[in-house]
């Protein structure tokens, strides 16, 4: 059901486009870019040649990357449910 001058399905198309844009942004952010470092940017330990070959543009050693991933995994998601009960919790 469209409102105003929008065609039918315009809202669904906009939602889908927003989701696709966000997924593309996250994928681009996750991909390392540029030349790989020989030593970790955080702890200055040597990054193994196999890791540099497997992930072009890598800047962190495995330990530092694991710590960073653990911190971002703790972050909560967005509550998209519409019920008031879910928003009060």
PDB file of N, CA and C in Angstrom:
ATOM      1  N   UNK A   1       0.842  -1.173   0.000  1.00  0.00           N
ATOM      2  CA  UNK A   1       0.000   0.000   0.000  1.00  0.00           C
ATOM      3  C   UNK A   1       0.889   1.239   0.000  1.00  0.00           C
ATOM      4  N   UNK A   2       0.735   2.058  -0.949  1.00  0.00           N
ATOM      5  CA  UNK A   2       1.544   3.264  -1.063  1.00  0.00           C
ATOM      6  C   UNK A   2       0.744   4.469  -0.593  1.00  0.00           C
ATOM      7  N   UNK A   3       1.463   5.461  -0.130  1.00  0.00           N
ATOM      8  CA  UNK A   3       0.801   6.681   0.300  1.00  0.00           C
ATOM      9  C   UNK A   3       1.306   7.859  -0.514  1.00  0.00           C
ATOM     10  N   UNK A   4       0.447   8.830  -0.761  1.00  0.00           N
ATOM     11  CA  UNK A   4       0.878  10.005  -1.510  1.00  0.00           C
ATOM     12  C   UNK A   4       1.221   9.652  -2.944  1.00  0.00           C
ATOM     13  N   UNK A   5       2.371  10.133  -3.415  1.00  0.00           N
ATOM     14  CA  UNK A   5       2.775   9.919  -4.799  1.00  0.00           C
ATOM     15  C   UNK A   5       3.665   8.688  -4.965  1.00  0.00           C
ATOM     16  N   UNK A   6       3.949   7.992  -3.891  1.00  0.00           N
ATOM     17  CA  UNK A   6       4.825   6.820  -3.974  1.00  0.00           C
ATOM     18  C   UNK A   6       4.095   5.649  -4.617  1.00  0.00           C
ATOM     19  N   UNK A   7       4.824   4.856  -5.363  1.00  0.00           N
ATOM     20  CA  UNK A   7       4.223   3.685  -5.999  1.00  0.00           C
ATOM     21  C   UNK A   7       4.111   2.544  -4.980  1.00  0.00           C
ATOM     22  N   UNK A   8       3.308   1.541  -5.307  1.00  0.00           N
ATOM     23  CA  UNK A   8       3.169   0.380  -4.436  1.00  0.00           C
ATOM     24  C   UNK A   8       4.521  -0.299  -4.255  1.00  0.00           C
ATOM     25  N   UNK A   9       4.822  -0.669  -3.020  1.00  0.00           N
ATOM     26  CA  UNK A   9       6.080  -1.354  -2.717  1.00  0.00           C
ATOM     27  C   UNK A   9       7.262  -0.425  -2.525  1.00  0.00           C
ATOM     28  N   UNK A  10       7.042   0.885  -2.552  1.00  0.00           N
ATOM     29  CA  UNK A  10       8.150   1.831  -2.431  1.00  0.00           C
ATOM     30  C   UNK A  10       8.821   1.739  -1.065  1.00  0.00           C
ATOM     31  N   UNK A  11       8.039   1.518  -0.029  1.00  0.00           N
ATOM     32  CA  UNK A  11       8.607   1.412   1.322  1.00  0.00           C
ATOM     33  C   UNK A  11       9.491   0.179   1.416  1.00  0.00           C
ATOM     34  N   UNK A  12       9.007  -0.941   0.895  1.00  0.00           N
ATOM     35  CA  UNK A  12       9.806  -2.176   0.917  1.00  0.00           C
ATOM     36  C   UNK A  12      11.096  -2.010   0.121  1.00  0.00           C
ATOM     37  N   UNK A  13      11.002  -1.339  -1.014  1.00  0.00           N
ATOM     38  CA  UNK A  13      12.202  -1.104  -1.829  1.00  0.00           C
ATOM     39  C   UNK A  13      13.204  -0.230  -1.086  1.00  0.00           C
ATOM     40  N   UNK A  14      12.722   0.778  -0.375  1.00  0.00           N
ATOM     41  CA  UNK A  14      13.606   1.658   0.381  1.00  0.00           C
ATOM     42  C   UNK A  14      14.289   0.914   1.524  1.00  0.00           C
ATOM     43  N   UNK A  15      13.528   0.061   2.209  1.00  0.00           N
ATOM     44  CA  UNK A  15      14.100  -0.732   3.298  1.00  0.00           C
ATOM     45  C   UNK A  15      15.167  -1.671   2.751  1.00  0.00           C
ATOM     46  N   UNK A  16      14.855  -2.340   1.662  1.00  0.00           N
ATOM     47  CA  UNK A  16      15.816  -3.263   1.054  1.00  0.00           C
ATOM     48  C   UNK A  16      17.076  -2.527   0.586  1.00  0.00           C
ATOM     49  N   UNK A  17      16.899  -1.351  -0.006  1.00  0.00           N
ATOM     50  CA  UNK A  17      18.050  -0.565  -0.450  1.00  0.00           C
ATOM     51  C   UNK A  17      18.908  -0.128   0.732  1.00  0.00           C
ATOM     52  N   UNK A  18      18.267   0.254   1.837  1.00  0.00           N
ATOM     53  CA  UNK A  18      19.010   0.657   3.031  1.00  0.00           C
ATOM     54  C   UNK A  18      19.815  -0.504   3.596  1.00  0.00           C
ATOM     55  N   UNK A  19      19.212  -1.677   3.628  1.00  0.00           N
ATOM     56  CA  UNK A  19      19.902  -2.869   4.126  1.00  0.00           C
ATOM     57  C   UNK A  19      21.081  -3.213   3.225  1.00  0.00           C
ATOM     58  N   UNK A  20      20.873  -3.177   1.915  1.00  0.00           N
ATOM     59  CA  UNK A  20      21.967  -3.485   0.979  1.00  0.00           C
ATOM     60  C   UNK A  20      23.109  -2.483   1.096  1.00  0.00           C
ATOM     61  N   UNK A  21      22.782  -1.205   1.270  1.00  0.00           N
ATOM     62  CA  UNK A  21      23.818  -0.180   1.437  1.00  0.00           C
ATOM     63  C   UNK A  21      24.636  -0.431   2.702  1.00  0.00           C
ATOM     64  N   UNK A  22      23.956  -0.765   3.786  1.00  0.00           N
ATOM     65  CA  UNK A  22      24.652  -1.010   5.047  1.00  0.00           C
ATOM     66  C   UNK A  22      25.531  -2.252   4.961  1.00  0.00           C
ATOM     67  N   UNK A  23      25.032  -3.312   4.327  1.00  0.00           N
ATOM     68  CA  UNK A  23      25.841  -4.522   4.166  1.00  0.00           C
ATOM     69  C   UNK A  23      27.086  -4.251   3.328  1.00  0.00           C
ATOM     70  N   UNK A  24      26.939  -3.479   2.272  1.00  0.00           N
ATOM     71  CA  UNK A  24      28.093  -3.135   1.431  1.00  0.00           C
ATOM     72  C   UNK A  24      29.098  -2.300   2.218  1.00  0.00           C
ATOM     73  N   UNK A  25      28.600  -1.374   3.049  1.00  0.00           N
ATOM     74  CA  UNK A  25      29.492  -0.547   3.864  1.00  0.00           C
ATOM     75  C   UNK A  25      30.257  -1.400   4.872  1.00  0.00           C
ATOM     76  N   UNK A  26      29.577  -2.353   5.499  1.00  0.00           N
ATOM     77  CA  UNK A  26      30.233  -3.217   6.472  1.00  0.00           C
ATOM     78  C   UNK A  26      31.258  -4.132   5.821  1.00  0.00           C
ATOM     79  N   UNK A  27      30.933  -4.656   4.643  1.00  0.00           N
ATOM     80  CA  UNK A  27      31.888  -5.514   3.943  1.00  0.00           C
ATOM     81  C   UNK A  27      33.133  -4.733   3.551  1.00  0.00           C
ATOM     82  N   UNK A  28      32.951  -3.511   3.083  1.00  0.00           N
ATOM     83  CA  UNK A  28      34.094  -2.683   2.687  1.00  0.00           C
ATOM     84  C   UNK A  28      34.941  -2.324   3.897  1.00  0.00           C
ATOM     85  N   UNK A  29      34.305  -2.088   5.021  1.00  0.00           N
ATOM     86  CA  UNK A  29      35.028  -1.734   6.249  1.00  0.00           C
ATOM     87  C   UNK A  29      35.825  -2.916   6.781  1.00  0.00           C
ATOM     88  N   UNK A  30      35.294  -4.104   6.598  1.00  0.00           N
ATOM     89  CA  UNK A  30      35.932  -5.310   7.111  1.00  0.00           C
ATOM     90  C   UNK A  30      37.151  -5.703   6.285  1.00  0.00           C
ATOM     91  N   UNK A  31      37.168  -5.335   5.009  1.00  0.00           N
ATOM     92  CA  UNK A  31      38.261  -5.695   4.122  1.00  0.00           C
ATOM     93  C   UNK A  31      39.466  -4.795   4.370  1.00  0.00           C
ATOM     94  N   UNK A  32      40.615  -5.370   4.729  1.00  0.00           N
ATOM     95  CA  UNK A  32      41.816  -4.546   4.859  1.00  0.00           C
ATOM     96  C   UNK A  32      42.209  -3.978   3.503  1.00  0.00           C
ATOM     97  N   UNK A  33      42.743  -2.764   3.506  1.00  0.00           N
ATOM     98  CA  UNK A  33      43.140  -2.125   2.256  1.00  0.00           C
ATOM     99  C   UNK A  33      44.595  -1.694   2.350  1.00  0.00           C
ATOM    100  N   UNK A  34      45.212  -1.573   1.207  1.00  0.00           N
ATOM    101  CA  UNK A  34      46.580  -1.108   1.161  1.00  0.00           C
ATOM    102  C   UNK A  34      47.568  -2.238   1.323  1.00  0.00           C
ATOM    103  N   UNK A  35      48.785  -1.862   1.619  1.00  0.00           N
ATOM    104  CA  UNK A  35      49.854  -2.837   1.766  1.00  0.00           C
ATOM    105  C   UNK A  35      49.877  -3.387   3.190  1.00  0.00           C
ATOM    106  N   UNK A  36      50.150  -4.670   3.324  1.00  0.00           N
ATOM    107  CA  UNK A  36      50.235  -5.299   4.644  1.00  0.00           C
ATOM    108  C   UNK A  36      51.449  -4.769   5.402  1.00  0.00           C
ATOM    109  N   UNK A  37      51.276  -4.647   6.706  1.00  0.00           N
ATOM    110  CA  UNK A  37      52.402  -4.278   7.553  1.00  0.00           C
ATOM    111  C   UNK A  37      53.193  -5.525   7.924  1.00  0.00           C
ATOM    112  N   UNK A  38      54.479  -5.373   8.143  1.00  0.00           N
ATOM    113  CA  UNK A  38      55.290  -6.515   8.576  1.00  0.00           C
ATOM    114  C   UNK A  38      55.198  -6.702  10.082  1.00  0.00           C
ATOM    115  N   UNK A  39      54.847  -5.625  10.811  1.00  0.00           N
ATOM    116  CA  UNK A  39      54.702  -5.692  12.257  1.00  0.00           C
ATOM    117  C   UNK A  39      53.346  -5.101  12.651  1.00  0.00           C
ATOM    118  N   UNK A  40      52.780  -5.643  13.711  1.00  0.00           N
ATOM    119  CA  UNK A  40      51.447  -5.244  14.177  1.00  0.00           C
ATOM    120  C   UNK A  40      51.424  -3.755  14.534  1.00  0.00           C
ATOM    121  N   UNK A  41      50.341  -3.091  14.165  1.00  0.00           N
ATOM    122  CA  UNK A  41      50.201  -1.656  14.422  1.00  0.00           C
ATOM    123  C   UNK A  41      49.964  -1.365  15.908  1.00  0.00           C
ATOM    124  N   UNK A  42      49.508  -2.367  16.677  1.00  0.00           N
ATOM    125  CA  UNK A  42      49.231  -2.133  18.098  1.00  0.00           C
ATOM    126  C   UNK A  42      50.346  -2.621  19.021  1.00  0.00           C
ATOM    127  N   UNK A  43      50.817  -3.860  18.816  1.00  0.00           N
ATOM    128  CA  UNK A  43      51.797  -4.423  19.754  1.00  0.00           C
ATOM    129  C   UNK A  43      53.205  -4.527  19.166  1.00  0.00           C
ATOM    130  N   UNK A  44      53.374  -4.227  17.900  1.00  0.00           N
ATOM    131  CA  UNK A  44      54.656  -4.234  17.210  1.00  0.00           C
ATOM    132  C   UNK A  44      55.282  -5.627  17.075  1.00  0.00           C
ATOM    133  N   UNK A  45      54.472  -6.695  17.225  1.00  0.00           N
ATOM    134  CA  UNK A  45      54.976  -8.046  16.977  1.00  0.00           C
ATOM    135  C   UNK A  45      54.968  -8.308  15.482  1.00  0.00           C
ATOM    136  N   UNK A  46      55.833  -9.195  15.035  1.00  0.00           N
ATOM    137  CA  UNK A  46      55.902  -9.504  13.614  1.00  0.00           C
ATOM    138  C   UNK A  46      54.647 -10.252  13.167  1.00  0.00           C
ATOM    139  N   UNK A  47      54.094  -9.853  12.034  1.00  0.00           N
ATOM    140  CA  UNK A  47      52.943 -10.542  11.447  1.00  0.00           C
ATOM    141  C   UNK A  47      53.499 -11.607  10.516  1.00  0.00           C
ATOM    142  N   UNK A  48      53.100 -12.880  10.709  1.00  0.00           N
ATOM    143  CA  UNK A  48      53.633 -13.968   9.874  1.00  0.00           C
ATOM    144  C   UNK A  48      53.353 -13.750   8.390  1.00  0.00           C
ATOM    145  N   UNK A  49      54.273 -14.201   7.559  1.00  0.00           N
ATOM    146  CA  UNK A  49      54.150 -14.058   6.112  1.00  0.00           C
ATOM    147  C   UNK A  49      52.868 -14.713   5.594  1.00  0.00           C
ATOM    148  N   UNK A  50      52.488 -15.855   6.172  1.00  0.00           N
ATOM    149  CA  UNK A  50      51.276 -16.549   5.729  1.00  0.00           C
ATOM    150  C   UNK A  50      50.037 -15.681   5.951  1.00  0.00           C
ATOM    151  N   UNK A  51      49.980 -14.971   7.068  1.00  0.00           N
ATOM    152  CA  UNK A  51      48.836 -14.082   7.347  1.00  0.00           C
ATOM    153  C   UNK A  51      48.829 -12.906   6.375  1.00  0.00           C
ATOM    154  N   UNK A  52      49.984 -12.337   6.114  1.00  0.00           N
ATOM    155  CA  UNK A  52      50.074 -11.210   5.180  1.00  0.00           C
ATOM    156  C   UNK A  52      49.672 -11.620   3.771  1.00  0.00           C
ATOM    157  N   UNK A  53      49.985 -12.861   3.386  1.00  0.00           N
ATOM    158  CA  UNK A  53      49.615 -13.356   2.065  1.00  0.00           C
ATOM    159  C   UNK A  53      48.112 -13.645   1.994  1.00  0.00           C
ATOM    160  N   UNK A  54      47.574 -14.233   3.063  1.00  0.00           N
ATOM    161  CA  UNK A  54      46.154 -14.600   3.080  1.00  0.00           C
ATOM    162  C   UNK A  54      45.246 -13.380   3.150  1.00  0.00           C
ATOM    163  N   UNK A  55      45.668 -12.345   3.873  1.00  0.00           N
ATOM    164  CA  UNK A  55      44.866 -11.129   4.045  1.00  0.00           C
ATOM    165  C   UNK A  55      45.653  -9.913   3.588  1.00  0.00           C
ATOM    166  N   UNK A  56      45.619  -9.600   2.308  1.00  0.00           N
ATOM    167  CA  UNK A  56      46.341  -8.415   1.839  1.00  0.00           C
ATOM    168  C   UNK A  56      45.836  -7.158   2.559  1.00  0.00           C
ATOM    169  N   UNK A  57      46.758  -6.358   3.038  1.00  0.00           N
ATOM    170  CA  UNK A  57      46.390  -5.129   3.738  1.00  0.00           C
ATOM    171  C   UNK A  57      46.231  -5.297   5.233  1.00  0.00           C
ATOM    172  N   UNK A  58      46.614  -6.450   5.767  1.00  0.00           N
ATOM    173  CA  UNK A  58      46.442  -6.709   7.204  1.00  0.00           C
ATOM    174  C   UNK A  58      47.357  -5.787   8.016  1.00  0.00           C
ATOM    175  N   UNK A  59      46.832  -5.256   9.109  1.00  0.00           N
ATOM    176  CA  UNK A  59      47.581  -4.315   9.946  1.00  0.00           C
ATOM    177  C   UNK A  59      47.812  -4.830  11.369  1.00  0.00           C
ATOM    178  N   UNK A  60      47.050  -5.870  11.781  1.00  0.00           N
ATOM    179  CA  UNK A  60      47.137  -6.371  13.147  1.00  0.00           C
ATOM    180  C   UNK A  60      47.527  -7.840  13.173  1.00  0.00           C
ATOM    181  N   UNK A  61      48.220  -8.239  14.242  1.00  0.00           N
ATOM    182  CA  UNK A  61      48.541  -9.650  14.438  1.00  0.00           C
ATOM    183  C   UNK A  61      47.267 -10.389  14.868  1.00  0.00           C
ATOM    184  N   UNK A  62      47.330 -11.695  14.930  1.00  0.00           N
ATOM    185  CA  UNK A  62      46.154 -12.496  15.262  1.00  0.00           C
ATOM    186  C   UNK A  62      45.654 -12.184  16.667  1.00  0.00           C
ATOM    187  N   UNK A  63      46.558 -12.036  17.634  1.00  0.00           N
ATOM    188  CA  UNK A  63      46.151 -11.771  19.020  1.00  0.00           C
ATOM    189  C   UNK A  63      45.415 -10.432  19.139  1.00  0.00           C
ATOM    190  N   UNK A  64      45.956  -9.390  18.548  1.00  0.00           N
ATOM    191  CA  UNK A  64      45.325  -8.068  18.626  1.00  0.00           C
ATOM    192  C   UNK A  64      43.986  -8.055  17.894  1.00  0.00           C
ATOM    193  N   UNK A  65      43.906  -8.743  16.768  1.00  0.00           N
ATOM    194  CA  UNK A  65      42.650  -8.801  16.030  1.00  0.00           C
ATOM    195  C   UNK A  65      41.598  -9.577  16.818  1.00  0.00           C
ATOM    196  N   UNK A  66      42.014 -10.644  17.488  1.00  0.00           N
ATOM    197  CA  UNK A  66      41.083 -11.419  18.311  1.00  0.00           C
ATOM    198  C   UNK A  66      40.537 -10.580  19.453  1.00  0.00           C
ATOM    199  N   UNK A  67      41.404  -9.790  20.095  1.00  0.00           N
ATOM    200  CA  UNK A  67      40.953  -8.908  21.168  1.00  0.00           C
ATOM    201  C   UNK A  67      39.964  -7.876  20.650  1.00  0.00           C
ATOM    202  N   UNK A  68      40.247  -7.296  19.493  1.00  0.00           N
ATOM    203  CA  UNK A  68      39.355  -6.292  18.916  1.00  0.00           C
ATOM    204  C   UNK A  68      38.006  -6.905  18.547  1.00  0.00           C
ATOM    205  N   UNK A  69      38.021  -8.125  17.999  1.00  0.00           N
ATOM    206  CA  UNK A  69      36.767  -8.798  17.649  1.00  0.00           C
ATOM    207  C   UNK A  69      35.951  -9.124  18.889  1.00  0.00           C
ATOM    208  N   UNK A  70      36.619  -9.508  19.982  1.00  0.00           N
ATOM    209  CA  UNK A  70      35.907  -9.834  21.223  1.00  0.00           C
ATOM    210  C   UNK A  70      35.217  -8.596  21.795  1.00  0.00           C
ATOM    211  N   UNK A  71      35.861  -7.446  21.694  1.00  0.00           N
ATOM    212  CA  UNK A  71      35.266  -6.205  22.203  1.00  0.00           C
ATOM    213  C   UNK A  71      34.036  -5.833  21.383  1.00  0.00           C
ATOM    214  N   UNK A  72      34.126  -5.937  20.059  1.00  0.00           N
ATOM    215  CA  UNK A  72      32.983  -5.559  19.226  1.00  0.00           C
ATOM    216  C   UNK A  72      31.859  -6.584  19.324  1.00  0.00           C
ATOM    217  N   UNK A  73      32.153  -7.840  19.681  1.00  0.00           N
ATOM    218  CA  UNK A  73      31.110  -8.859  19.813  1.00  0.00           C
ATOM    219  C   UNK A  73      30.244  -8.613  21.040  1.00  0.00           C
ATOM    220  N   UNK A  74      30.760  -7.926  22.057  1.00  0.00           N
ATOM    221  CA  UNK A  74      30.016  -7.670  23.279  1.00  0.00           C
ATOM    222  C   UNK A  74      28.936  -6.614  23.092  1.00  0.00           C
ATOM    223  N   UNK A  75      29.073  -5.797  22.056  1.00  0.00           N
ATOM    224  CA  UNK A  75      28.139  -4.715  21.818  1.00  0.00           C
ATOM    225  C   UNK A  75      26.756  -5.269  21.513  1.00  0.00           C
ATOM    226  N   UNK A  76      25.732  -4.685  22.092  1.00  0.00           N
ATOM    227  CA  UNK A  76      24.368  -5.134  21.892  1.00  0.00           C
ATOM    228  C   UNK A  76      23.816  -4.698  20.554  1.00  0.00           C
ATOM    229  N   UNK A  77      22.780  -5.383  20.120  1.00  0.00           N
ATOM    230  CA  UNK A  77      22.145  -5.055  18.852  1.00  0.00           C
ATOM    231  C   UNK A  77      21.054  -4.013  19.040  1.00  0.00           C
ATOM    232  N   UNK A  78      20.417  -3.689  17.963  1.00  0.00           N
ATOM    233  CA  UNK A  78      19.337  -2.715  17.989  1.00  0.00           C
ATOM    234  C   UNK A  78      18.027  -3.469  18.134  1.00  0.00           C
ATOM    235  N   UNK A  79      17.187  -3.013  19.038  1.00  0.00           N
ATOM    236  CA  UNK A  79      15.893  -3.632  19.231  1.00  0.00           C
ATOM    237  C   UNK A  79      14.940  -3.093  18.168  1.00  0.00           C
ATOM    238  N   UNK A  80      14.568  -3.934  17.221  1.00  0.00           N
ATOM    239  CA  UNK A  80      13.696  -3.487  16.139  1.00  0.00           C
ATOM    240  C   UNK A  80      12.265  -3.994  16.301  1.00  0.00           C
ATOM    241  N   UNK A  81      11.981  -4.648  17.410  1.00  0.00           N
ATOM    242  CA  UNK A  81      10.611  -5.111  17.627  1.00  0.00           C
ATOM    243  C   UNK A  81       9.732  -3.931  17.978  1.00  0.00           C
ATOM    244  N   UNK A  82       8.483  -4.029  17.608  1.00  0.00           N
ATOM    245  CA  UNK A  82       7.581  -2.917  17.800  1.00  0.00           C
ATOM    246  C   UNK A  82       6.830  -2.933  19.122  1.00  0.00           C
ATOM    247  N   UNK A  83       6.912  -4.025  19.897  1.00  0.00           N
ATOM    248  CA  UNK A  83       6.125  -4.083  21.128  1.00  0.00           C
ATOM    249  C   UNK A  83       6.754  -3.219  22.212  1.00  0.00           C
ATOM    250  N   UNK A  84       5.912  -2.656  23.045  1.00  0.00           N
ATOM    251  CA  UNK A  84       6.393  -1.813  24.131  1.00  0.00           C
ATOM    252  C   UNK A  84       7.170  -2.625  25.153  1.00  0.00           C
ATOM    253  N   UNK A  85       6.772  -3.871  25.372  1.00  0.00           N
ATOM    254  CA  UNK A  85       7.461  -4.710  26.343  1.00  0.00           C
ATOM    255  C   UNK A  85       8.917  -4.902  25.981  1.00  0.00           C
ATOM    256  N   UNK A  86       9.214  -5.106  24.694  1.00  0.00           N
ATOM    257  CA  UNK A  86      10.596  -5.332  24.290  1.00  0.00           C
ATOM    258  C   UNK A  86      11.427  -4.051  24.455  1.00  0.00           C
ATOM    259  N   UNK A  87      10.811  -2.899  24.396  1.00  0.00           N
ATOM    260  CA  UNK A  87      11.532  -1.649  24.530  1.00  0.00           C
ATOM    261  C   UNK A  87      11.775  -1.283  25.989  1.00  0.00           C
ATOM    262  N   UNK A  88      10.999  -1.848  26.886  1.00  0.00           N
ATOM    263  CA  UNK A  88      11.160  -1.548  28.302  1.00  0.00           C
ATOM    264  C   UNK A  88      12.251  -2.402  28.945  1.00  0.00           C
ATOM    265  N   UNK A  89      12.625  -3.504  28.328  1.00  0.00           N
ATOM    266  CA  UNK A  89      13.605  -4.404  28.930  1.00  0.00           C
ATOM    267  C   UNK A  89      14.999  -3.899  28.780  1.00  0.00           C
TER     268      UNK A  89
END
